[in-house]
Amino acid sequence: MSNIDSKLKKKSAPAPVINQKVYNFCGKKRMILAIVICVIVALLAGIIFRGVNLAIEFEGGTMITYSYDGELDTNKVATEIQSIVNTPVSIRTGESLDGSGHQMVVSFTSNEGLNADRQFELTTSLNEKFPDNKIELSDSNDVSPASGREFLLKCLIAVILAAIIIIIYIAFRFRNIGGWLAGLCSIFALLHDLMAALAASILFGFEFNANIVAVILTILGYSINNTIVIYDRIRENKSLYPNATLNELINLGCSQSLTRSIRTSITTIGTMVIVSIVVFVSGYTSLLSFSIPLIFGLISGTYSSIFVAPVTWSWMVGRKNKASKKA
């Protein structure tokens, strides 16, 4: 058989039979829009009613380390310190590195720091209030906000550059199925995931610290990976079903990826839930500012990679086609 005959036979071969239940994802545009709006409203409500609590590495402040004996009520300690420094106080407790006793790290925002006299006043007041705990000053540091803000700016620049690279990569890799619009929609889905994580962080009252930055970078990688897997499935289906519309390809690709996405997400999210429970029970609550926002970001990433990115892409292509027909 000649090469031409084989090509013609291949071209005229029927498309493979679909042994897959196909869900109408593209028909859920209003539901998806409603969920996106709810995420935005939750974030704005958190900012307005709870405010963004910047950690001292971004706002500047003072960190004081105390050693103490016995059991100590950190809520009462925080109240006592707040009455002296007149600003909200964050307290973390743990064991000293040499295992000789307990340590308490007190941090609060401050523009001028805490001089030696104020440190002595604070330590004396704590010992008068909690005489049985033998509280002693171990270390004191004033944190400049400049380095933290520089770090935050670098992270922001890194995220923007990553978004540009993602758009270019998706535009090139999926150029046969409308890559530029697909890339823009993937970034929109990423923003949705980041807003969900930030909304959870603010509503739960966590500080905006290095943990939140780590959450943002983790979600960035996780969510875009899920989205590209689904886009790749849509591209494969385009070669198998060349006469199918984009909506049909999206519905089929998302349906084929649904089980895989759910199983992967259950494993990842379940692990983070277990981590959150363990750190809460053990008292290392500072890690909750990483695990809980990450859980919400992962849930959002699973949903957005299946619904938000592909369906928004379908909507934008539809708008573009209508505009071209009118022209």
Protein backbone atom coordinates (compact mmCIF):
# COMPACT_ATOMS: atom_id res chain seq x y z
CA MET A 1 0.00 0.00 0.00
CA SER A 2 1.39 3.43 -0.91
CA ASN A 3 1.93 6.21 1.60
CA ILE A 4 -0.89 8.25 0.05
CA ASP A 5 -3.35 5.36 0.36
CA SER A 6 -2.40 4.81 3.99
CA LYS A 7 -2.86 8.51 4.76
CA LEU A 8 -6.27 8.57 3.11
CA LYS A 9 -7.33 5.47 4.99
CA LYS A 10 -6.14 6.96 8.23
CA LYS A 11 -7.94 10.21 7.51
CA SER A 12 -11.19 8.48 6.69
CA ALA A 13 -11.02 6.13 9.67
CA PRO A 14 -13.94 6.57 12.08
CA ALA A 15 -13.36 8.26 15.43
CA PRO A 16 -12.97 5.92 18.39
CA VAL A 17 -16.03 5.08 20.45
CA ILE A 18 -16.34 7.09 23.69
CA ASN A 19 -16.61 4.71 26.64
CA GLN A 20 -16.93 7.55 29.10
CA LYS A 21 -19.82 9.32 30.74
CA VAL A 22 -19.52 12.93 29.61
CA TYR A 23 -20.73 15.71 31.91
CA ASN A 24 -21.84 19.09 30.61
CA PHE A 25 -19.22 21.25 32.33
CA CYS A 26 -19.61 24.08 29.82
CA GLY A 27 -23.29 24.35 30.70
CA LYS A 28 -22.45 25.36 34.28
CA LYS A 29 -21.16 28.87 33.53
CA ARG A 30 -23.59 30.61 35.89
CA MET A 31 -22.80 28.27 38.77
CA ILE A 32 -19.07 28.75 38.23
CA LEU A 33 -19.50 32.52 38.09
CA ALA A 34 -21.48 32.43 41.34
CA ILE A 35 -18.71 30.48 43.12
CA VAL A 36 -16.02 32.85 41.83
CA ILE A 37 -18.07 35.82 43.08
CA CYS A 38 -18.48 34.15 46.49
CA VAL A 39 -14.70 33.74 46.78
CA ILE A 40 -14.16 37.41 45.92
CA VAL A 41 -16.85 38.51 48.40
CA ALA A 42 -15.30 36.33 51.15
CA LEU A 43 -11.88 37.89 50.53
CA LEU A 44 -13.24 41.45 50.53
CA ALA A 45 -15.34 40.77 53.65
CA GLY A 46 -12.28 39.43 55.45
CA ILE A 47 -10.21 42.46 54.50
CA ILE A 48 -12.95 44.91 55.52
CA PHE A 49 -14.13 43.32 58.76
CA ARG A 50 -11.02 41.50 60.01
CA GLY A 51 -8.23 43.35 58.26
CA VAL A 52 -4.89 42.06 56.99
CA ASN A 53 -2.64 41.28 59.94
CA LEU A 54 0.89 41.71 58.61
CA ALA A 55 3.61 39.81 60.46
CA ILE A 56 6.50 41.76 61.90
CA GLU A 57 8.87 40.64 59.13
CA PHE A 58 6.74 42.71 56.74
CA GLU A 59 5.69 45.55 59.05
CA GLY A 60 8.61 45.78 61.46
CA GLY A 61 8.54 45.16 65.19
CA THR A 62 10.13 43.46 68.17
CA MET A 63 10.70 39.82 69.07
CA ILE A 64 11.47 38.94 72.69
CA THR A 65 12.37 35.46 73.89
CA TYR A 66 11.70 34.42 77.50
CA SER A 67 12.47 31.24 79.40
CA TYR A 68 10.03 30.06 82.06
CA ASP A 69 9.13 27.16 84.31
CA GLY A 70 5.91 25.20 84.68
CA GLU A 71 2.66 25.85 82.80
CA LEU A 72 1.89 29.32 81.53
CA ASP A 73 -1.40 30.77 80.29
CA THR A 74 -0.32 32.53 77.09
CA ASN A 75 -3.65 34.37 76.78
CA LYS A 76 -3.09 36.07 80.15
CA VAL A 77 0.52 36.80 79.22
CA ALA A 78 -0.60 38.39 75.95
CA THR A 79 -3.15 40.55 77.79
CA GLU A 80 -0.50 41.71 80.27
CA ILE A 81 2.02 42.57 77.55
CA GLN A 82 -0.59 44.36 75.45
CA SER A 83 -1.42 46.61 78.38
CA ILE A 84 2.20 47.74 78.42
CA VAL A 85 3.13 47.98 74.72
CA ASN A 86 -0.36 49.06 73.56
CA THR A 87 -0.37 46.86 70.44
CA PRO A 88 -1.58 43.35 69.55
CA VAL A 89 0.82 40.61 70.62
CA SER A 90 1.61 37.20 69.15
CA ILE A 91 3.03 34.46 71.40
CA ARG A 92 4.64 31.14 70.47
CA THR A 93 5.81 28.61 73.02
CA GLY A 94 8.17 25.66 72.76
CA GLU A 95 11.16 23.93 74.25
CA SER A 96 14.63 25.46 74.37
CA LEU A 97 17.24 24.01 72.00
CA ASP A 98 19.27 22.49 74.84
CA GLY A 99 16.14 20.98 76.40
CA SER A 100 16.66 22.81 79.67
CA GLY A 101 13.20 24.35 79.86
CA HIS A 102 10.33 26.16 78.18
CA GLN A 103 10.65 29.13 75.86
CA MET A 104 8.17 31.80 74.91
CA VAL A 105 8.64 34.08 71.89
CA VAL A 106 6.67 37.33 72.09
CA SER A 107 6.35 39.40 68.91
CA PHE A 108 4.53 42.65 68.20
CA THR A 109 4.73 45.48 65.70
CA SER A 110 6.71 48.53 66.75
CA ASN A 111 8.16 51.52 64.95
CA GLU A 112 10.81 52.39 67.52
CA GLY A 113 11.64 49.02 69.04
CA LEU A 114 11.90 48.33 72.76
CA ASN A 115 14.80 49.87 74.67
CA ALA A 116 16.52 48.30 77.68
CA ASP A 117 14.37 50.18 80.22
CA ARG A 118 11.15 49.08 78.58
CA GLN A 119 12.39 45.49 78.39
CA PHE A 120 13.20 45.56 82.10
CA GLU A 121 9.77 47.04 82.86
CA LEU A 122 8.08 44.34 80.82
CA THR A 123 10.05 41.49 82.42
CA THR A 124 9.41 42.85 85.92
CA SER A 125 5.69 43.16 85.25
CA LEU A 126 5.50 39.57 83.98
CA ASN A 127 7.31 38.23 87.05
CA GLU A 128 4.98 40.13 89.34
CA LYS A 129 1.95 38.77 87.49
CA PHE A 130 3.30 35.20 87.19
CA PRO A 131 5.73 34.74 90.12
CA ASP A 132 5.70 30.92 90.05
CA ASN A 133 6.94 30.69 86.44
CA LYS A 134 10.33 32.40 86.95
CA ILE A 135 10.19 34.28 83.67
CA GLU A 136 13.62 35.41 82.44
CA LEU A 137 14.59 37.46 79.40
CA SER A 138 16.72 35.38 77.00
CA ASP A 139 16.92 37.48 73.86
CA SER A 140 15.47 40.56 72.20
CA ASN A 141 15.56 41.64 68.56
CA ASP A 142 14.14 44.56 66.64
CA VAL A 143 13.04 43.54 63.14
CA SER A 144 13.31 46.02 60.29
CA PRO A 145 10.43 45.89 57.81
CA ALA A 146 12.73 46.72 54.88
CA SER A 147 14.09 43.19 54.40
CA GLY A 148 10.63 41.61 54.72
CA ARG A 149 9.09 44.01 52.24
CA GLU A 150 11.96 43.39 49.83
CA PHE A 151 11.32 39.65 50.15
CA LEU A 152 7.61 40.16 49.54
CA LEU A 153 8.34 42.33 46.49
CA LYS A 154 10.65 39.66 45.07
CA CYS A 155 7.98 37.00 45.58
CA LEU A 156 5.43 39.21 43.82
CA ILE A 157 7.79 39.74 40.90
CA ALA A 158 8.46 35.99 40.76
CA VAL A 159 4.71 35.25 40.63
CA ILE A 160 4.18 37.81 37.83
CA LEU A 161 7.08 36.42 35.81
CA ALA A 162 5.79 32.88 36.39
CA ALA A 163 2.35 33.94 35.13
CA ILE A 164 3.86 35.41 31.96
CA ILE A 165 5.93 32.28 31.35
CA ILE A 166 2.85 30.08 31.92
CA ILE A 167 0.83 32.06 29.36
CA ILE A 168 3.63 31.83 26.78
CA TYR A 169 4.14 28.11 27.44
CA ILE A 170 0.44 27.25 27.17
CA ALA A 171 0.04 29.47 24.10
CA PHE A 172 2.85 27.60 22.34
CA ARG A 173 2.02 24.09 23.50
CA PHE A 174 -1.71 24.35 22.83
CA ARG A 175 -1.53 26.69 19.83
CA ASN A 176 -3.64 24.30 17.74
CA ILE A 177 -6.63 24.75 20.03
CA GLY A 178 -6.41 28.47 20.86
CA GLY A 179 -3.44 28.70 23.18
CA TRP A 180 -3.41 32.39 24.14
CA LEU A 181 -6.94 32.37 25.49
CA ALA A 182 -6.25 29.07 27.28
CA GLY A 183 -3.20 30.62 28.94
CA LEU A 184 -5.10 33.69 30.10
CA CYS A 185 -7.88 31.52 31.53
CA SER A 186 -5.35 29.39 33.42
CA ILE A 187 -4.01 32.56 35.08
CA PHE A 188 -7.57 33.58 35.96
CA ALA A 189 -8.05 30.19 37.62
CA LEU A 190 -4.77 30.67 39.52
CA LEU A 191 -5.96 34.04 40.82
CA HIS A 192 -9.18 32.36 41.96
CA ASP A 193 -7.16 29.78 43.92
CA LEU A 194 -4.91 32.40 45.52
CA MET A 195 -7.94 34.47 46.55
CA ALA A 196 -9.48 31.39 48.16
CA ALA A 197 -6.30 30.73 50.17
CA LEU A 198 -5.94 34.39 51.20
CA ALA A 199 -9.61 34.60 52.17
CA ALA A 200 -9.22 31.54 54.41
CA SER A 201 -6.08 32.99 55.98
CA ILE A 202 -7.73 36.32 56.76
CA LEU A 203 -11.04 34.86 57.98
CA PHE A 204 -9.21 32.46 60.32
CA GLY A 205 -7.22 35.40 61.70
CA PHE A 206 -3.75 34.25 60.62
CA GLU A 207 -0.89 36.67 60.15
CA PHE A 208 0.34 37.40 56.65
CA ASN A 209 3.82 35.94 57.06
CA ALA A 210 6.34 33.74 55.28
CA ASN A 211 3.95 30.77 55.63
CA ILE A 212 1.38 32.51 53.44
CA VAL A 213 4.03 33.24 50.82
CA ALA A 214 4.93 29.53 50.85
CA VAL A 215 1.22 28.67 50.41
CA ILE A 216 0.97 30.98 47.38
CA LEU A 217 4.00 29.41 45.70
CA THR A 218 2.76 25.87 46.46
CA ILE A 219 -0.69 26.53 45.02
CA LEU A 220 0.89 28.15 41.97
CA GLY A 221 2.65 24.90 41.07
CA TYR A 222 -0.15 22.53 42.08
CA SER A 223 -2.98 24.30 40.30
CA ILE A 224 -1.20 24.98 37.02
CA ASN A 225 -0.10 21.34 36.85
CA ASN A 226 -3.73 20.18 37.13
CA THR A 227 -4.84 22.68 34.49
CA ILE A 228 -2.14 21.65 32.00
CA VAL A 229 -3.07 17.97 32.44
CA ILE A 230 -6.67 18.78 31.47
CA TYR A 231 -5.59 21.01 28.58
CA ASP A 232 -3.40 18.17 27.32
CA ARG A 233 -6.37 15.83 27.41
CA ILE A 234 -8.42 18.33 25.38
CA ARG A 235 -5.61 18.58 22.80
CA GLU A 236 -5.44 14.79 22.48
CA ASN A 237 -9.20 14.62 21.98
CA LYS A 238 -8.92 17.28 19.25
CA SER A 239 -6.79 14.90 17.18
CA LEU A 240 -9.16 11.99 17.87
CA TYR A 241 -12.37 13.93 17.20
CA PRO A 242 -11.46 16.67 14.70
CA ASN A 243 -15.11 17.54 14.00
CA ALA A 244 -16.02 18.07 17.65
CA THR A 245 -16.69 21.58 18.93
CA LEU A 246 -14.55 23.15 21.65
CA ASN A 247 -17.35 22.73 24.19
CA GLU A 248 -17.60 19.03 23.38
CA LEU A 249 -13.83 18.62 23.68
CA ILE A 250 -13.79 20.45 27.02
CA ASN A 251 -16.68 18.40 28.40
CA LEU A 252 -15.01 15.16 27.32
CA GLY A 253 -11.53 16.13 28.56
CA CYS A 254 -12.79 17.30 31.96
CA SER A 255 -14.94 14.18 32.34
CA GLN A 256 -11.96 11.96 31.56
CA SER A 257 -9.77 13.81 34.09
CA LEU A 258 -12.40 14.06 36.83
CA THR A 259 -11.62 10.81 38.66
CA ARG A 260 -7.87 11.36 38.49
CA SER A 261 -8.16 14.93 39.83
CA ILE A 262 -10.45 13.94 42.69
CA ARG A 263 -8.25 11.02 43.80
CA THR A 264 -5.07 13.09 43.69
CA SER A 265 -6.72 15.93 45.60
CA ILE A 266 -8.19 13.67 48.27
CA THR A 267 -4.73 12.26 48.96
CA THR A 268 -3.06 15.67 49.13
CA ILE A 269 -5.81 17.47 51.02
CA GLY A 270 -6.26 14.53 53.41
CA THR A 271 -2.57 14.69 54.25
CA MET A 272 -2.79 18.39 55.05
CA VAL A 273 -5.89 17.80 57.20
CA ILE A 274 -3.99 15.21 59.22
CA VAL A 275 -1.05 17.62 59.56
CA SER A 276 -3.40 20.36 60.78
CA ILE A 277 -4.95 18.07 63.39
CA VAL A 278 -1.55 16.89 64.63
CA VAL A 279 -0.08 20.39 64.98
CA PHE A 280 -3.26 21.65 66.66
CA VAL A 281 -3.28 18.84 69.22
CA SER A 282 0.46 19.11 69.87
CA GLY A 283 0.27 22.88 70.35
CA TYR A 284 2.45 23.96 67.41
CA THR A 285 -0.31 26.21 66.13
CA SER A 286 2.05 28.45 64.15
CA LEU A 287 2.01 25.81 61.39
CA LEU A 288 -1.75 26.18 61.02
CA SER A 289 -1.17 29.44 59.13
CA PHE A 290 0.40 27.25 56.43
CA SER A 291 -1.73 24.11 56.46
CA ILE A 292 -5.25 25.59 56.65
CA PRO A 293 -4.91 28.17 53.83
CA LEU A 294 -3.18 25.47 51.77
CA ILE A 295 -6.16 23.12 52.27
CA PHE A 296 -8.56 25.75 50.92
CA GLY A 297 -6.16 26.57 48.09
CA LEU A 298 -5.88 22.90 47.10
CA ILE A 299 -9.65 22.47 47.14
CA SER A 300 -9.99 25.56 44.98
CA GLY A 301 -7.20 24.34 42.68
CA THR A 302 -8.98 21.06 42.09
CA TYR A 303 -12.24 22.83 41.30
CA SER A 304 -10.73 25.59 39.17
CA SER A 305 -8.63 23.28 36.99
CA ILE A 306 -11.73 21.28 36.06
CA PHE A 307 -14.34 24.05 35.96
CA VAL A 308 -12.99 27.60 36.04
CA ALA A 309 -10.10 27.48 33.54
CA PRO A 310 -11.68 25.29 30.80
CA VAL A 311 -15.19 26.74 31.08
CA THR A 312 -13.89 30.33 31.12
CA TRP A 313 -11.85 29.43 28.06
CA SER A 314 -15.03 28.12 26.38
CA TRP A 315 -16.87 31.33 27.26
CA MET A 316 -14.09 33.58 25.91
CA VAL A 317 -13.87 31.62 22.64
CA GLY A 318 -17.64 31.88 22.28
CA ARG A 319 -17.52 35.64 22.81
CA LYS A 320 -14.68 35.94 20.31
CA ASN A 321 -16.57 33.95 17.70
CA LYS A 322 -19.73 36.03 18.16
CA ALA A 323 -17.72 39.25 17.81
CA SER A 324 -16.07 37.99 14.61
CA LYS A 325 -19.43 37.02 13.10
CA LYS A 326 -20.88 40.47 13.83
CA ALA A 327 -17.86 42.08 12.22
